[in-house]
Amino acid sequence: MPISPTLAKGILAIVPEVFKDKRGKWSSKRTVSGVLAGACVMQIEANGLDINTLLLALISILPLCFSVFEKK
């Protein structure tokens, strides 16, 4: 099932905002975590859930979990 052009434009407009921090700069922590999480989702979709995809998911969310404790 192909994605409609309107939906694709909406997604392309939202995705860059997700990877920016509060000051509007690109956050490498969020970008790398987002790419790893996307890879994890594609891996689960293709091969199902196994220990490797669980580890990849853990690695992808760890930086986001620790970012809660950083000083502002």
N, C-alpha and C. Protein backbone atom coordinates (compact mmCIF):
# COMPACT_ATOMS: atom_id res chain seq x y z
N MET A 1 0.84 -1.17 0.00
CA MET A 1 0.00 0.00 0.00
C MET A 1 0.90 1.25 0.00
N PRO A 2 0.85 2.04 -1.04
CA PRO A 2 1.70 3.24 -1.12
C PRO A 2 1.20 4.35 -0.18
N ILE A 3 2.12 5.19 0.22
CA ILE A 3 1.80 6.32 1.08
C ILE A 3 1.30 7.48 0.22
N SER A 4 0.26 8.13 0.68
CA SER A 4 -0.27 9.26 -0.08
C SER A 4 0.72 10.43 -0.04
N PRO A 5 0.76 11.24 -1.08
CA PRO A 5 1.69 12.38 -1.11
C PRO A 5 1.46 13.37 0.03
N THR A 6 0.22 13.55 0.43
CA THR A 6 -0.08 14.47 1.53
C THR A 6 0.51 13.96 2.84
N LEU A 7 0.36 12.66 3.08
CA LEU A 7 0.92 12.07 4.29
C LEU A 7 2.45 12.14 4.28
N ALA A 8 3.05 11.89 3.14
CA ALA A 8 4.51 11.95 3.03
C ALA A 8 5.02 13.36 3.31
N LYS A 9 4.35 14.37 2.81
CA LYS A 9 4.76 15.76 3.06
C LYS A 9 4.61 16.10 4.54
N GLY A 10 3.55 15.60 5.17
CA GLY A 10 3.34 15.84 6.59
C GLY A 10 4.42 15.20 7.43
N ILE A 11 4.78 13.98 7.08
CA ILE A 11 5.83 13.28 7.82
C ILE A 11 7.17 13.98 7.64
N LEU A 12 7.47 14.40 6.42
CA LEU A 12 8.73 15.09 6.16
C LEU A 12 8.81 16.44 6.86
N ALA A 13 7.68 17.04 7.15
CA ALA A 13 7.68 18.31 7.88
C ALA A 13 7.86 18.09 9.38
N ILE A 14 7.37 16.98 9.91
CA ILE A 14 7.42 16.72 11.34
C ILE A 14 8.76 16.12 11.78
N VAL A 15 9.30 15.22 11.00
CA VAL A 15 10.49 14.47 11.40
C VAL A 15 11.67 15.36 11.77
N PRO A 16 12.02 16.39 10.98
CA PRO A 16 13.17 17.22 11.41
C PRO A 16 12.95 17.92 12.75
N GLU A 17 11.72 18.25 13.08
CA GLU A 17 11.44 18.92 14.36
C GLU A 17 11.65 17.97 15.54
N VAL A 18 11.45 16.70 15.33
CA VAL A 18 11.62 15.72 16.41
C VAL A 18 13.08 15.65 16.85
N PHE A 19 14.01 15.84 15.92
CA PHE A 19 15.42 15.68 16.22
C PHE A 19 16.08 16.97 16.71
N LYS A 20 15.33 18.03 16.90
CA LYS A 20 15.89 19.28 17.38
C LYS A 20 15.68 19.41 18.88
N ASP A 21 16.64 20.09 19.54
CA ASP A 21 16.50 20.30 20.97
C ASP A 21 15.69 21.56 21.24
N LYS A 22 15.65 21.99 22.48
CA LYS A 22 14.82 23.13 22.87
C LYS A 22 15.27 24.44 22.23
N ARG A 23 16.57 24.54 21.89
CA ARG A 23 17.08 25.77 21.29
C ARG A 23 16.96 25.78 19.77
N GLY A 24 16.40 24.71 19.19
CA GLY A 24 16.21 24.65 17.75
C GLY A 24 17.38 24.05 16.98
N LYS A 25 18.42 23.61 17.69
CA LYS A 25 19.57 22.99 17.04
C LYS A 25 19.35 21.49 16.92
N TRP A 26 20.00 20.90 15.94
CA TRP A 26 19.93 19.45 15.78
C TRP A 26 20.64 18.79 16.96
N SER A 27 20.02 17.82 17.55
CA SER A 27 20.58 17.10 18.68
C SER A 27 21.11 15.75 18.18
N SER A 28 22.42 15.57 18.28
CA SER A 28 23.00 14.30 17.82
C SER A 28 22.50 13.14 18.67
N LYS A 29 22.25 13.41 19.94
CA LYS A 29 21.74 12.36 20.83
C LYS A 29 20.38 11.86 20.32
N ARG A 30 19.51 12.78 19.96
CA ARG A 30 18.20 12.39 19.48
C ARG A 30 18.26 11.81 18.08
N THR A 31 19.13 12.34 17.24
CA THR A 31 19.22 11.86 15.86
C THR A 31 19.73 10.43 15.82
N VAL A 32 20.81 10.15 16.52
CA VAL A 32 21.38 8.80 16.53
C VAL A 32 20.39 7.82 17.16
N SER A 33 19.78 8.22 18.26
CA SER A 33 18.79 7.35 18.90
C SER A 33 17.60 7.09 17.99
N GLY A 34 17.18 8.12 17.27
CA GLY A 34 16.07 7.96 16.35
C GLY A 34 16.39 7.02 15.20
N VAL A 35 17.59 7.13 14.67
CA VAL A 35 18.00 6.23 13.58
C VAL A 35 18.09 4.79 14.08
N LEU A 36 18.66 4.60 15.26
CA LEU A 36 18.75 3.25 15.82
C LEU A 36 17.36 2.68 16.12
N ALA A 37 16.47 3.50 16.64
CA ALA A 37 15.11 3.03 16.92
C ALA A 37 14.40 2.67 15.62
N GLY A 38 14.61 3.47 14.58
CA GLY A 38 14.02 3.15 13.28
C GLY A 38 14.55 1.84 12.72
N ALA A 39 15.84 1.62 12.86
CA ALA A 39 16.44 0.37 12.42
C ALA A 39 15.88 -0.80 13.21
N CYS A 40 15.67 -0.59 14.49
CA CYS A 40 15.10 -1.64 15.34
C CYS A 40 13.69 -1.99 14.90
N VAL A 41 12.89 -0.99 14.61
CA VAL A 41 11.52 -1.23 14.16
C VAL A 41 11.51 -2.00 12.85
N MET A 42 12.37 -1.61 11.92
CA MET A 42 12.43 -2.31 10.63
C MET A 42 12.90 -3.75 10.81
N GLN A 43 13.84 -3.96 11.73
CA GLN A 43 14.34 -5.31 11.99
C GLN A 43 13.26 -6.18 12.60
N ILE A 44 12.48 -5.62 13.53
CA ILE A 44 11.39 -6.38 14.14
C ILE A 44 10.33 -6.71 13.11
N GLU A 45 10.03 -5.75 12.24
CA GLU A 45 9.03 -5.99 11.20
C GLU A 45 9.47 -7.08 10.23
N ALA A 46 10.76 -7.11 9.89
CA ALA A 46 11.25 -8.08 8.92
C ALA A 46 11.46 -9.47 9.52
N ASN A 47 12.04 -9.52 10.74
CA ASN A 47 12.47 -10.81 11.30
C ASN A 47 11.76 -11.21 12.58
N GLY A 48 10.91 -10.37 13.09
CA GLY A 48 10.27 -10.68 14.35
C GLY A 48 11.14 -10.25 15.52
N LEU A 49 10.64 -10.48 16.71
CA LEU A 49 11.32 -10.04 17.93
C LEU A 49 12.30 -11.12 18.40
N ASP A 50 13.55 -10.72 18.58
CA ASP A 50 14.55 -11.64 19.12
C ASP A 50 15.50 -10.84 20.02
N ILE A 51 16.50 -11.50 20.56
CA ILE A 51 17.39 -10.87 21.52
C ILE A 51 18.19 -9.73 20.89
N ASN A 52 18.57 -9.87 19.62
CA ASN A 52 19.35 -8.81 18.97
C ASN A 52 18.54 -7.53 18.82
N THR A 53 17.28 -7.65 18.45
CA THR A 53 16.46 -6.45 18.30
C THR A 53 16.14 -5.83 19.67
N LEU A 54 16.01 -6.65 20.69
CA LEU A 54 15.81 -6.10 22.03
C LEU A 54 17.02 -5.32 22.50
N LEU A 55 18.21 -5.84 22.23
CA LEU A 55 19.44 -5.13 22.58
C LEU A 55 19.57 -3.84 21.79
N LEU A 56 19.23 -3.87 20.51
CA LEU A 56 19.28 -2.67 19.69
C LEU A 56 18.30 -1.62 20.21
N ALA A 57 17.12 -2.05 20.63
CA ALA A 57 16.14 -1.13 21.20
C ALA A 57 16.65 -0.52 22.50
N LEU A 58 17.29 -1.33 23.33
CA LEU A 58 17.86 -0.83 24.58
C LEU A 58 18.94 0.20 24.31
N ILE A 59 19.83 -0.10 23.37
CA ILE A 59 20.90 0.83 23.03
C ILE A 59 20.34 2.13 22.47
N SER A 60 19.26 2.04 21.73
CA SER A 60 18.71 3.25 21.12
C SER A 60 18.02 4.17 22.12
N ILE A 61 17.48 3.63 23.20
CA ILE A 61 16.77 4.50 24.16
C ILE A 61 17.62 4.92 25.35
N LEU A 62 18.77 4.30 25.56
CA LEU A 62 19.61 4.66 26.70
C LEU A 62 19.99 6.15 26.73
N PRO A 63 20.47 6.74 25.64
CA PRO A 63 20.82 8.17 25.71
C PRO A 63 19.63 9.05 26.06
N LEU A 64 18.46 8.68 25.59
CA LEU A 64 17.26 9.47 25.91
C LEU A 64 16.88 9.33 27.38
N CYS A 65 17.09 8.14 27.93
CA CYS A 65 16.78 7.94 29.35
C CYS A 65 17.71 8.76 30.23
N PHE A 66 18.99 8.81 29.88
CA PHE A 66 19.95 9.56 30.69
C PHE A 66 19.85 11.07 30.47
N SER A 67 19.24 11.49 29.37
CA SER A 67 19.12 12.93 29.13
C SER A 67 18.17 13.58 30.13
N VAL A 68 17.36 12.80 30.80
CA VAL A 68 16.45 13.35 31.81
C VAL A 68 17.25 13.94 32.97
N PHE A 69 18.41 13.36 33.26
CA PHE A 69 19.22 13.78 34.42
C PHE A 69 20.21 14.88 34.12
N GLU A 70 20.35 15.33 32.88
CA GLU A 70 21.33 16.36 32.60
C GLU A 70 20.83 17.73 33.06
N LYS A 71 21.77 18.58 33.42
CA LYS A 71 21.42 19.90 33.93
C LYS A 71 21.01 20.81 32.79
N LYS A 72 20.14 21.73 33.10
CA LYS A 72 19.64 22.65 32.06
C LYS A 72 20.43 23.90 32.01
